[in-house]
């Protein structure tokens, strides 16, 4: 089940020359109330941070929500075009539409970069696996070739020589073990 990230409405109020703002979450309860506004100072809401510059008018408002990964490039462009084609907008609303469009495009480009990164990582992993498989295949073919190219007479002769050396070493060890220290000294 997908969950929709919360949306926040930031509303400015100017009273006796003092500008404040309030933040409402999803049209419900107020998160922040009558916070003094300073142009360019960051507004922080649930881990999100943004700054507003200039002097907002009384009742100016805008919405803020977390970016989602399901926004396509075409949806972002359509949304920006629709917002900018609306004829009954004041300057603040046009600026908000432009900023939202740019933010959506940045989000989409971030999603594209993340997808490219994941695909690149998968390709690197596949290349590594392919290299290990090729090395294993080469080792197996080398072993098979060595077994097929074995000169049976030479191998049997080499085995017999090694067996004779092994038997001689065992017999000499057994003879040394039978001797006690006194037998060895009396010699």
N, C-alpha and C. Protein backbone atom coordinates (compact mmCIF):
# COMPACT_ATOMS: atom_id res chain seq x y z
N UNK A 1 0.83 -1.18 0.00
CA UNK A 1 0.00 0.00 0.00
C UNK A 1 0.88 1.25 0.00
N UNK A 2 0.59 2.14 -0.95
CA UNK A 2 1.35 3.38 -1.01
C UNK A 2 0.70 4.43 -0.12
N UNK A 3 1.52 5.24 0.47
CA UNK A 3 1.02 6.32 1.31
C UNK A 3 1.39 7.63 0.66
N UNK A 4 0.47 8.57 0.73
CA UNK A 4 0.71 9.89 0.18
C UNK A 4 1.39 10.73 1.24
N UNK A 5 2.50 11.38 0.89
CA UNK A 5 3.16 12.22 1.88
C UNK A 5 2.26 13.39 2.26
N UNK A 6 2.41 13.89 3.48
CA UNK A 6 1.55 14.99 3.91
C UNK A 6 1.83 16.26 3.11
N UNK A 7 0.80 17.09 3.02
CA UNK A 7 0.91 18.38 2.35
C UNK A 7 0.73 19.46 3.40
N UNK A 8 1.49 20.52 3.28
CA UNK A 8 1.45 21.61 4.25
C UNK A 8 1.06 22.90 3.53
N UNK A 9 0.24 23.71 4.18
CA UNK A 9 -0.13 25.03 3.66
C UNK A 9 0.52 26.07 4.56
N UNK A 10 1.29 26.97 3.94
CA UNK A 10 1.93 28.07 4.68
C UNK A 10 1.17 29.33 4.32
N UNK A 11 0.62 30.00 5.34
CA UNK A 11 -0.17 31.21 5.14
C UNK A 11 0.46 32.36 5.90
N UNK A 12 0.63 33.49 5.21
CA UNK A 12 1.24 34.66 5.82
C UNK A 12 0.15 35.61 6.30
N UNK A 13 0.48 36.33 7.36
CA UNK A 13 -0.44 37.31 7.92
C UNK A 13 0.37 38.56 8.26
N UNK A 14 -0.13 39.72 7.83
CA UNK A 14 0.53 40.99 8.14
C UNK A 14 -0.42 41.78 9.02
N UNK A 15 0.04 42.11 10.24
CA UNK A 15 -0.79 42.84 11.19
C UNK A 15 0.08 43.91 11.84
N UNK A 16 -0.29 45.16 11.64
CA UNK A 16 0.43 46.31 12.20
C UNK A 16 1.90 46.29 11.77
N UNK A 17 2.17 45.91 10.51
CA UNK A 17 3.52 45.93 9.98
C UNK A 17 4.37 44.72 10.35
N UNK A 18 3.83 43.81 11.16
CA UNK A 18 4.56 42.61 11.56
C UNK A 18 4.04 41.43 10.74
N UNK A 19 4.96 40.73 10.06
CA UNK A 19 4.57 39.59 9.23
C UNK A 19 4.85 38.30 9.99
N UNK A 20 3.83 37.45 10.05
CA UNK A 20 3.97 36.13 10.67
C UNK A 20 3.46 35.09 9.68
N UNK A 21 3.73 33.85 9.98
CA UNK A 21 3.20 32.77 9.15
C UNK A 21 2.69 31.65 10.04
N UNK A 22 1.74 30.90 9.48
CA UNK A 22 1.20 29.71 10.15
C UNK A 22 1.28 28.56 9.16
N UNK A 23 1.46 27.35 9.68
CA UNK A 23 1.56 26.16 8.84
C UNK A 23 0.45 25.20 9.25
N UNK A 24 -0.31 24.75 8.25
CA UNK A 24 -1.39 23.80 8.47
C UNK A 24 -1.06 22.52 7.71
N UNK A 25 -1.21 21.38 8.39
CA UNK A 25 -0.89 20.09 7.78
C UNK A 25 -2.15 19.45 7.22
N UNK A 26 -2.15 19.12 5.92
CA UNK A 26 -3.26 18.44 5.24
C UNK A 26 -4.61 19.07 5.51
N UNK A 27 -4.68 20.37 5.59
CA UNK A 27 -5.95 21.05 5.79
C UNK A 27 -6.52 20.84 7.18
N UNK A 28 -5.81 20.15 8.03
CA UNK A 28 -6.31 19.85 9.37
C UNK A 28 -5.70 20.75 10.40
N UNK A 29 -5.13 20.14 11.41
CA UNK A 29 -4.58 20.88 12.54
C UNK A 29 -3.41 21.75 12.16
N UNK A 30 -3.27 22.83 12.89
CA UNK A 30 -2.18 23.77 12.65
C UNK A 30 -0.91 23.26 13.31
N UNK A 31 0.16 23.19 12.52
CA UNK A 31 1.45 22.72 13.04
C UNK A 31 2.21 23.85 13.71
N UNK A 32 2.26 25.00 13.04
CA UNK A 32 2.92 26.19 13.59
C UNK A 32 1.95 27.36 13.50
N UNK A 33 1.96 28.24 14.50
CA UNK A 33 1.03 29.37 14.51
C UNK A 33 1.78 30.66 14.81
N UNK A 34 1.50 31.68 14.01
CA UNK A 34 2.02 33.04 14.22
C UNK A 34 3.52 33.08 14.51
N UNK A 35 4.29 32.43 13.65
CA UNK A 35 5.75 32.45 13.78
C UNK A 35 6.25 33.71 13.07
N UNK A 36 7.09 34.51 13.73
CA UNK A 36 7.60 35.73 13.08
C UNK A 36 8.37 35.39 11.81
N UNK A 37 8.08 36.13 10.74
CA UNK A 37 8.71 35.88 9.44
C UNK A 37 9.89 36.81 9.23
N UNK A 38 11.01 36.24 8.73
CA UNK A 38 12.17 37.03 8.31
C UNK A 38 12.54 36.58 6.90
N UNK A 39 12.66 37.53 6.00
CA UNK A 39 12.98 37.22 4.61
C UNK A 39 14.31 36.47 4.51
N UNK A 40 14.31 35.33 3.82
CA UNK A 40 15.52 34.54 3.61
C UNK A 40 15.83 33.55 4.71
N UNK A 41 15.15 33.65 5.86
CA UNK A 41 15.40 32.72 6.96
C UNK A 41 14.64 31.42 6.69
N UNK A 42 15.29 30.29 6.97
CA UNK A 42 14.71 28.98 6.67
C UNK A 42 13.47 28.71 7.52
N UNK A 43 12.47 28.16 6.88
CA UNK A 43 11.27 27.66 7.56
C UNK A 43 11.42 26.14 7.56
N UNK A 44 11.35 25.53 8.74
CA UNK A 44 11.56 24.09 8.86
C UNK A 44 10.25 23.43 9.28
N UNK A 45 9.81 22.44 8.49
CA UNK A 45 8.58 21.70 8.78
C UNK A 45 8.88 20.22 8.63
N UNK A 46 8.76 19.46 9.68
CA UNK A 46 8.94 18.00 9.64
C UNK A 46 10.17 17.57 8.84
N UNK A 47 11.29 18.20 9.09
CA UNK A 47 12.53 17.82 8.42
C UNK A 47 12.75 18.48 7.07
N UNK A 48 11.75 19.15 6.53
CA UNK A 48 11.92 19.88 5.27
C UNK A 48 12.30 21.31 5.60
N UNK A 49 13.14 21.89 4.78
CA UNK A 49 13.59 23.25 5.01
C UNK A 49 13.53 24.03 3.71
N UNK A 50 13.01 25.24 3.78
CA UNK A 50 12.95 26.11 2.61
C UNK A 50 12.96 27.55 3.10
N UNK A 51 13.32 28.45 2.21
CA UNK A 51 13.38 29.86 2.58
C UNK A 51 12.50 30.66 1.62
N UNK A 52 11.89 31.70 2.15
CA UNK A 52 11.08 32.62 1.36
C UNK A 52 11.76 33.97 1.43
N UNK A 53 11.98 34.57 0.26
CA UNK A 53 12.61 35.89 0.23
C UNK A 53 11.58 36.93 -0.21
N UNK A 54 11.83 38.16 0.15
CA UNK A 54 10.90 39.22 -0.18
C UNK A 54 9.94 39.45 0.97
N UNK A 55 8.92 40.26 0.70
CA UNK A 55 7.94 40.58 1.73
C UNK A 55 6.56 40.09 1.28
N UNK A 56 6.05 39.00 1.87
CA UNK A 56 4.73 38.51 1.47
C UNK A 56 3.62 39.47 1.92
N UNK A 57 2.55 39.47 1.15
CA UNK A 57 1.38 40.29 1.49
C UNK A 57 0.47 39.50 2.44
N UNK A 58 -0.45 40.21 3.05
CA UNK A 58 -1.41 39.57 3.95
C UNK A 58 -2.21 38.52 3.17
N UNK A 59 -2.38 37.36 3.73
CA UNK A 59 -3.11 36.19 3.21
C UNK A 59 -2.40 35.49 2.04
N UNK A 60 -1.16 35.88 1.72
CA UNK A 60 -0.41 35.09 0.73
C UNK A 60 -0.23 33.68 1.30
N UNK A 61 -0.33 32.69 0.44
CA UNK A 61 -0.15 31.32 0.91
C UNK A 61 0.41 30.45 -0.21
N UNK A 62 0.98 29.35 0.18
CA UNK A 62 1.47 28.36 -0.77
C UNK A 62 1.48 27.01 -0.08
N UNK A 63 1.59 25.95 -0.89
CA UNK A 63 1.60 24.60 -0.32
C UNK A 63 2.99 23.99 -0.51
N UNK A 64 3.33 23.10 0.40
CA UNK A 64 4.60 22.39 0.38
C UNK A 64 4.30 20.92 0.61
N UNK A 65 4.89 20.06 -0.22
CA UNK A 65 4.78 18.63 0.05
C UNK A 65 6.08 17.95 -0.34
N UNK A 66 6.28 16.77 0.21
CA UNK A 66 7.50 16.03 -0.08
C UNK A 66 7.42 15.49 -1.49
N UNK A 67 8.58 15.43 -2.13
CA UNK A 67 8.60 14.90 -3.49
C UNK A 67 8.34 13.40 -3.46
N UNK A 68 7.75 12.91 -4.53
CA UNK A 68 7.49 11.48 -4.65
C UNK A 68 8.20 10.96 -5.89
N UNK A 69 8.43 9.67 -5.93
CA UNK A 69 9.15 9.06 -7.05
C UNK A 69 8.24 8.71 -8.22
N UNK A 70 6.94 8.94 -8.10
CA UNK A 70 6.03 8.50 -9.16
C UNK A 70 5.72 9.61 -10.17
N UNK A 71 6.37 10.74 -10.08
CA UNK A 71 6.13 11.84 -10.99
C UNK A 71 6.97 11.62 -12.25
N UNK A 72 6.31 11.61 -13.41
CA UNK A 72 7.04 11.43 -14.66
C UNK A 72 7.46 12.79 -15.21
N UNK A 73 8.37 12.77 -16.15
CA UNK A 73 8.83 14.01 -16.78
C UNK A 73 7.67 14.72 -17.44
N UNK A 74 6.82 13.96 -18.11
CA UNK A 74 5.70 14.56 -18.83
C UNK A 74 4.67 15.14 -17.87
N UNK A 75 4.42 14.45 -16.75
CA UNK A 75 3.50 14.99 -15.75
C UNK A 75 4.04 16.30 -15.18
N UNK A 76 5.33 16.35 -14.92
CA UNK A 76 5.93 17.58 -14.38
C UNK A 76 5.80 18.73 -15.37
N UNK A 77 6.08 18.45 -16.64
CA UNK A 77 5.95 19.50 -17.66
C UNK A 77 4.50 19.92 -17.85
N UNK A 78 3.58 18.96 -17.91
CA UNK A 78 2.15 19.29 -18.05
C UNK A 78 1.66 20.15 -16.89
N UNK A 79 2.07 19.80 -15.68
CA UNK A 79 1.66 20.56 -14.51
C UNK A 79 2.19 21.99 -14.58
N UNK A 80 3.44 22.15 -14.97
CA UNK A 80 4.03 23.50 -15.08
C UNK A 80 3.33 24.31 -16.16
N UNK A 81 3.07 23.70 -17.31
CA UNK A 81 2.40 24.41 -18.41
C UNK A 81 1.00 24.82 -18.01
N UNK A 82 0.26 23.91 -17.38
CA UNK A 82 -1.11 24.23 -16.95
C UNK A 82 -1.11 25.37 -15.95
N UNK A 83 -0.19 25.34 -14.99
CA UNK A 83 -0.13 26.40 -13.99
C UNK A 83 0.22 27.74 -14.61
N UNK A 84 1.13 27.73 -15.56
CA UNK A 84 1.56 28.99 -16.17
C UNK A 84 0.54 29.54 -17.17
N UNK A 85 -0.30 28.68 -17.74
CA UNK A 85 -1.32 29.14 -18.69
C UNK A 85 -2.55 29.72 -18.01
N UNK A 86 -2.68 29.55 -16.71
CA UNK A 86 -3.83 30.11 -16.00
C UNK A 86 -3.74 31.63 -16.05
N UNK A 87 -4.83 32.27 -16.47
CA UNK A 87 -4.81 33.73 -16.72
C UNK A 87 -5.07 34.58 -15.49
N UNK A 88 -5.70 34.04 -14.47
CA UNK A 88 -6.08 34.88 -13.33
C UNK A 88 -5.14 34.65 -12.14
N UNK A 89 -3.84 34.84 -12.36
CA UNK A 89 -2.87 34.66 -11.29
C UNK A 89 -2.13 35.96 -11.04
N UNK A 90 -1.84 36.21 -9.77
CA UNK A 90 -1.02 37.37 -9.44
C UNK A 90 0.45 36.97 -9.54
N UNK A 91 1.33 37.91 -9.31
CA UNK A 91 2.77 37.67 -9.45
C UNK A 91 3.27 36.57 -8.52
N UNK A 92 2.78 36.56 -7.30
CA UNK A 92 3.19 35.54 -6.33
C UNK A 92 2.80 34.15 -6.77
N UNK A 93 1.59 34.01 -7.32
CA UNK A 93 1.13 32.70 -7.78
C UNK A 93 1.93 32.23 -9.00
N UNK A 94 2.29 33.16 -9.88
CA UNK A 94 3.11 32.79 -11.04
C UNK A 94 4.49 32.32 -10.57
N UNK A 95 5.08 33.06 -9.62
CA UNK A 95 6.39 32.66 -9.08
C UNK A 95 6.30 31.30 -8.41
N UNK A 96 5.19 31.06 -7.69
CA UNK A 96 5.01 29.77 -7.03
C UNK A 96 4.90 28.66 -8.08
N UNK A 97 4.17 28.92 -9.16
CA UNK A 97 4.01 27.92 -10.22
C UNK A 97 5.36 27.62 -10.88
N UNK A 98 6.15 28.66 -11.13
CA UNK A 98 7.48 28.47 -11.73
C UNK A 98 8.36 27.66 -10.79
N UNK A 99 8.38 28.04 -9.51
CA UNK A 99 9.21 27.33 -8.53
C UNK A 99 8.77 25.88 -8.38
N UNK A 100 7.45 25.64 -8.38
CA UNK A 100 6.96 24.27 -8.26
C UNK A 100 7.35 23.45 -9.50
N UNK A 101 7.24 24.06 -10.68
CA UNK A 101 7.63 23.37 -11.91
C UNK A 101 9.11 23.02 -11.90
N UNK A 102 9.94 23.97 -11.49
CA UNK A 102 11.38 23.70 -11.41
C UNK A 102 11.69 22.64 -10.37
N UNK A 103 11.00 22.70 -9.25
CA UNK A 103 11.20 21.70 -8.19
C UNK A 103 10.80 20.31 -8.68
N UNK A 104 9.66 20.23 -9.38
CA UNK A 104 9.22 18.93 -9.92
C UNK A 104 10.22 18.39 -10.94
N UNK A 105 10.73 19.27 -11.80
CA UNK A 105 11.72 18.82 -12.79
C UNK A 105 13.01 18.37 -12.11
N UNK A 106 13.43 19.09 -11.07
CA UNK A 106 14.60 18.66 -10.31
C UNK A 106 14.37 17.29 -9.68
N UNK A 107 13.17 17.09 -9.15
CA UNK A 107 12.83 15.81 -8.53
C UNK A 107 12.86 14.68 -9.56
N UNK A 108 12.30 14.95 -10.73
CA UNK A 108 12.29 13.95 -11.80
C UNK A 108 13.72 13.63 -12.24
N UNK A 109 14.55 14.66 -12.39
CA UNK A 109 15.94 14.43 -12.77
C UNK A 109 16.68 13.65 -11.70
N UNK A 110 16.36 13.90 -10.44
CA UNK A 110 16.94 13.11 -9.35
C UNK A 110 16.53 11.65 -9.44
N UNK A 111 15.26 11.42 -9.78
CA UNK A 111 14.77 10.04 -9.94
C UNK A 111 15.48 9.35 -11.11
N UNK A 112 15.69 10.09 -12.20
CA UNK A 112 16.39 9.53 -13.36
C UNK A 112 17.83 9.18 -12.98
N UNK A 113 18.48 10.07 -12.24
CA UNK A 113 19.86 9.81 -11.81
C UNK A 113 19.92 8.59 -10.89
N UNK A 114 18.95 8.47 -9.98
CA UNK A 114 18.92 7.31 -9.08
C UNK A 114 18.71 6.02 -9.87
N UNK A 115 17.83 6.07 -10.87
CA UNK A 115 17.58 4.88 -11.69
C UNK A 115 18.83 4.52 -12.50
N UNK A 116 19.50 5.53 -13.06
CA UNK A 116 20.74 5.26 -13.81
C UNK A 116 21.80 4.65 -12.90
N UNK A 117 21.87 5.15 -11.69
CA UNK A 117 22.84 4.63 -10.73
C UNK A 117 22.55 3.17 -10.41
N UNK A 118 21.29 2.85 -10.18
CA UNK A 118 20.91 1.47 -9.86
C UNK A 118 21.20 0.54 -11.05
N UNK A 119 20.91 1.00 -12.26
CA UNK A 119 21.18 0.19 -13.45
C UNK A 119 22.69 0.00 -13.62
N UNK A 120 23.46 1.06 -13.41
CA UNK A 120 24.92 0.95 -13.51
C UNK A 120 25.49 -0.02 -12.51
N UNK A 121 24.96 0.03 -11.28
CA UNK A 121 25.41 -0.91 -10.24
C UNK A 121 25.10 -2.35 -10.64
N UNK A 122 23.90 -2.57 -11.19
CA UNK A 122 23.53 -3.92 -11.64
C UNK A 122 24.43 -4.39 -12.78
N UNK A 123 24.73 -3.49 -13.71
CA UNK A 123 25.62 -3.86 -14.82
C UNK A 123 27.02 -4.20 -14.31
N UNK A 124 27.52 -3.43 -13.36
CA UNK A 124 28.84 -3.74 -12.79
C UNK A 124 28.83 -5.10 -12.11
N UNK A 125 27.76 -5.39 -11.37
CA UNK A 125 27.66 -6.68 -10.69
C UNK A 125 27.62 -7.81 -11.72
N UNK A 126 26.86 -7.62 -12.81
CA UNK A 126 26.78 -8.65 -13.85
C UNK A 126 28.14 -8.85 -14.53
N UNK A 127 28.86 -7.75 -14.78
CA UNK A 127 30.19 -7.86 -15.38
C UNK A 127 31.13 -8.64 -14.47
N UNK A 128 31.05 -8.38 -13.18
CA UNK A 128 31.89 -9.09 -12.22
C UNK A 128 31.56 -10.59 -12.21
N UNK A 129 30.28 -10.91 -12.21
CA UNK A 129 29.86 -12.32 -12.22
C UNK A 129 30.30 -12.98 -13.52
N UNK A 130 30.16 -12.27 -14.63
CA UNK A 130 30.59 -12.82 -15.92
C UNK A 130 32.09 -13.11 -15.91
N UNK A 131 32.87 -12.22 -15.30
CA UNK A 131 34.32 -12.43 -15.20
C UNK A 131 34.65 -13.66 -14.38
N UNK A 132 33.96 -13.84 -13.25
CA UNK A 132 34.21 -15.02 -12.41
C UNK A 132 33.81 -16.30 -13.14
N UNK A 133 32.70 -16.27 -13.85
CA UNK A 133 32.26 -17.46 -14.60
C UNK A 133 33.27 -17.78 -15.70
N UNK A 134 33.77 -16.76 -16.39
CA UNK A 134 34.77 -16.99 -17.44
C UNK A 134 36.04 -17.58 -16.87
N UNK A 135 36.49 -17.08 -15.71
CA UNK A 135 37.70 -17.61 -15.07
C UNK A 135 37.49 -19.06 -14.65
N UNK A 136 36.32 -19.38 -14.10
CA UNK A 136 36.02 -20.76 -13.70
C UNK A 136 35.97 -21.68 -14.92
N UNK A 137 35.38 -21.19 -15.99
CA UNK A 137 35.28 -21.98 -17.22
C UNK A 137 36.68 -22.26 -17.78
N UNK A 138 37.54 -21.24 -17.78
CA UNK A 138 38.90 -21.42 -18.27
C UNK A 138 39.67 -22.42 -17.41
N UNK A 139 39.52 -22.35 -16.09
CA UNK A 139 40.20 -23.29 -15.20
C UNK A 139 39.71 -24.72 -15.46
N UNK A 140 38.41 -24.89 -15.65
CA UNK A 140 37.86 -26.23 -15.91
C UNK A 140 38.36 -26.77 -17.25
N UNK A 141 38.41 -25.90 -18.26
CA UNK A 141 38.90 -26.34 -19.57
C UNK A 141 40.38 -26.70 -19.50
N UNK A 142 41.16 -25.96 -18.72
CA UNK A 142 42.58 -26.26 -18.56
C UNK A 142 42.76 -27.61 -17.89
N UNK A 143 42.00 -27.88 -16.84
CA UNK A 143 42.08 -29.18 -16.16
C UNK A 143 41.70 -30.32 -17.10
N UNK A 144 40.64 -30.12 -17.86
CA UNK A 144 40.21 -31.15 -18.81
C UNK A 144 41.28 -31.39 -19.86
N UNK A 145 41.86 -30.31 -20.36
CA UNK A 145 42.92 -30.42 -21.36
C UNK A 145 44.13 -31.16 -20.80
N UNK A 146 44.50 -30.84 -19.56
CA UNK A 146 45.62 -31.54 -18.93
C UNK A 146 45.33 -33.03 -18.78
N UNK A 147 44.10 -33.36 -18.43
CA UNK A 147 43.73 -34.77 -18.27
C UNK A 147 43.72 -35.49 -19.61
N UNK A 148 43.23 -34.82 -20.66
CA UNK A 148 43.17 -35.45 -21.98
C UNK A 148 44.54 -35.59 -22.60
N UNK A 149 45.43 -34.63 -22.34
CA UNK A 149 46.76 -34.63 -22.95
C UNK A 149 47.78 -35.42 -22.15
N UNK A 150 47.36 -36.12 -21.12
CA UNK A 150 48.27 -36.85 -20.23
C UNK A 150 48.91 -38.02 -20.97
N UNK A 151 50.24 -38.11 -20.90
CA UNK A 151 50.98 -39.24 -21.45
C UNK A 151 50.95 -40.33 -20.39
N UNK A 152 50.20 -41.40 -20.65
CA UNK A 152 49.97 -42.44 -19.65
C UNK A 152 51.27 -43.12 -19.22
N UNK A 153 52.18 -43.39 -20.14
CA UNK A 153 53.43 -44.07 -19.81
C UNK A 153 54.27 -43.18 -18.90
N UNK A 154 54.37 -41.91 -19.26
CA UNK A 154 55.16 -40.97 -18.46
C UNK A 154 54.54 -40.78 -17.07
N UNK A 155 53.22 -40.65 -17.02
CA UNK A 155 52.53 -40.47 -15.74
C UNK A 155 52.69 -41.69 -14.86
N UNK A 156 52.59 -42.90 -15.45
CA UNK A 156 52.74 -44.13 -14.66
C UNK A 156 54.17 -44.25 -14.13
N UNK A 157 55.14 -43.91 -14.96
CA UNK A 157 56.55 -43.96 -14.54
C UNK A 157 56.80 -42.97 -13.40
N UNK A 158 56.27 -41.77 -13.53
CA UNK A 158 56.43 -40.75 -12.48
C UNK A 158 55.77 -41.22 -11.18
N UNK A 159 54.59 -41.81 -11.31
CA UNK A 159 53.88 -42.32 -10.13
C UNK A 159 54.69 -43.42 -9.46
N UNK A 160 55.27 -44.34 -10.25
CA UNK A 160 56.07 -45.44 -9.69
C UNK A 160 57.29 -44.90 -8.95
N UNK A 161 57.96 -43.90 -9.50
CA UNK A 161 59.12 -43.29 -8.84
C UNK A 161 58.72 -42.66 -7.50
N UNK A 162 57.60 -41.94 -7.51
CA UNK A 162 57.12 -41.32 -6.27
C UNK A 162 56.73 -42.38 -5.25
N UNK A 163 56.11 -43.46 -5.72
CA UNK A 163 55.70 -44.55 -4.82
C UNK A 163 56.92 -45.22 -4.21
N UNK A 164 57.96 -45.45 -4.99
CA UNK A 164 59.19 -46.07 -4.49
C UNK A 164 59.84 -45.18 -3.44
N UNK A 165 59.91 -43.88 -3.69
CA UNK A 165 60.47 -42.94 -2.72
C UNK A 165 59.67 -42.92 -1.43
N UNK A 166 58.36 -42.98 -1.55
CA UNK A 166 57.48 -42.99 -0.38
C UNK A 166 57.69 -44.27 0.43
N UNK A 167 57.76 -45.42 -0.25
CA UNK A 167 57.98 -46.71 0.44
C UNK A 167 59.33 -46.72 1.16
N UNK A 168 60.37 -46.18 0.51
CA UNK A 168 61.70 -46.14 1.13
C UNK A 168 61.68 -45.26 2.38
N UNK A 169 61.00 -44.14 2.31
CA UNK A 169 60.91 -43.24 3.46
C UNK A 169 60.17 -43.92 4.60
N UNK A 170 59.10 -44.66 4.32
CA UNK A 170 58.35 -45.37 5.36
C UNK A 170 59.21 -46.45 6.02
N UNK A 171 59.96 -47.20 5.21
CA UNK A 171 60.80 -48.29 5.76
C UNK A 171 61.91 -47.73 6.64
N UNK A 172 62.55 -46.64 6.20
CA UNK A 172 63.63 -46.08 7.01
C UNK A 172 63.08 -45.50 8.31
N UNK A 173 61.92 -44.91 8.27
CA UNK A 173 61.30 -44.38 9.48
C UNK A 173 60.97 -45.52 10.45
N UNK A 174 60.45 -46.62 9.90
CA UNK A 174 60.11 -47.78 10.73
C UNK A 174 61.35 -48.37 11.37
N UNK A 175 62.45 -48.43 10.64
CA UNK A 175 63.69 -48.97 11.20
C UNK A 175 64.23 -48.08 12.31
N UNK A 176 64.16 -46.78 12.12
CA UNK A 176 64.64 -45.85 13.15
C UNK A 176 63.77 -45.96 14.39
N UNK A 177 62.50 -46.18 14.24
CA UNK A 177 61.59 -46.28 15.38
C UNK A 177 61.86 -47.53 16.21
N UNK A 178 62.34 -48.59 15.56
CA UNK A 178 62.60 -49.84 16.28
C UNK A 178 63.83 -49.73 17.18
N UNK A 179 64.75 -48.88 16.81
CA UNK A 179 65.97 -48.73 17.61
C UNK A 179 65.67 -47.96 18.88
N UNK A 180 66.20 -48.47 19.98
CA UNK A 180 66.12 -47.69 21.21
C UNK A 180 67.37 -46.83 21.28
N UNK A 181 67.44 -45.96 22.23
CA UNK A 181 68.59 -45.09 22.38
C UNK A 181 69.86 -45.90 22.63
N UNK A 182 69.74 -46.95 23.47
CA UNK A 182 70.92 -47.78 23.78
C UNK A 182 71.37 -48.54 22.55
N UNK A 183 70.42 -49.05 21.76
CA UNK A 183 70.79 -49.77 20.55
C UNK A 183 71.48 -48.83 19.56
N UNK A 184 71.03 -47.63 19.51
CA UNK A 184 71.60 -46.65 18.59
C UNK A 184 73.03 -46.29 19.00
N UNK A 185 73.25 -46.11 20.33
CA UNK A 185 74.59 -45.75 20.82
C UNK A 185 75.56 -46.92 20.64
N UNK A 186 75.10 -48.15 20.95
CA UNK A 186 75.97 -49.33 20.82
C UNK A 186 76.22 -49.68 19.36
N UNK A 187 75.32 -49.26 18.52
CA UNK A 187 75.34 -49.36 17.13
C UNK A 187 75.76 -50.46 16.37
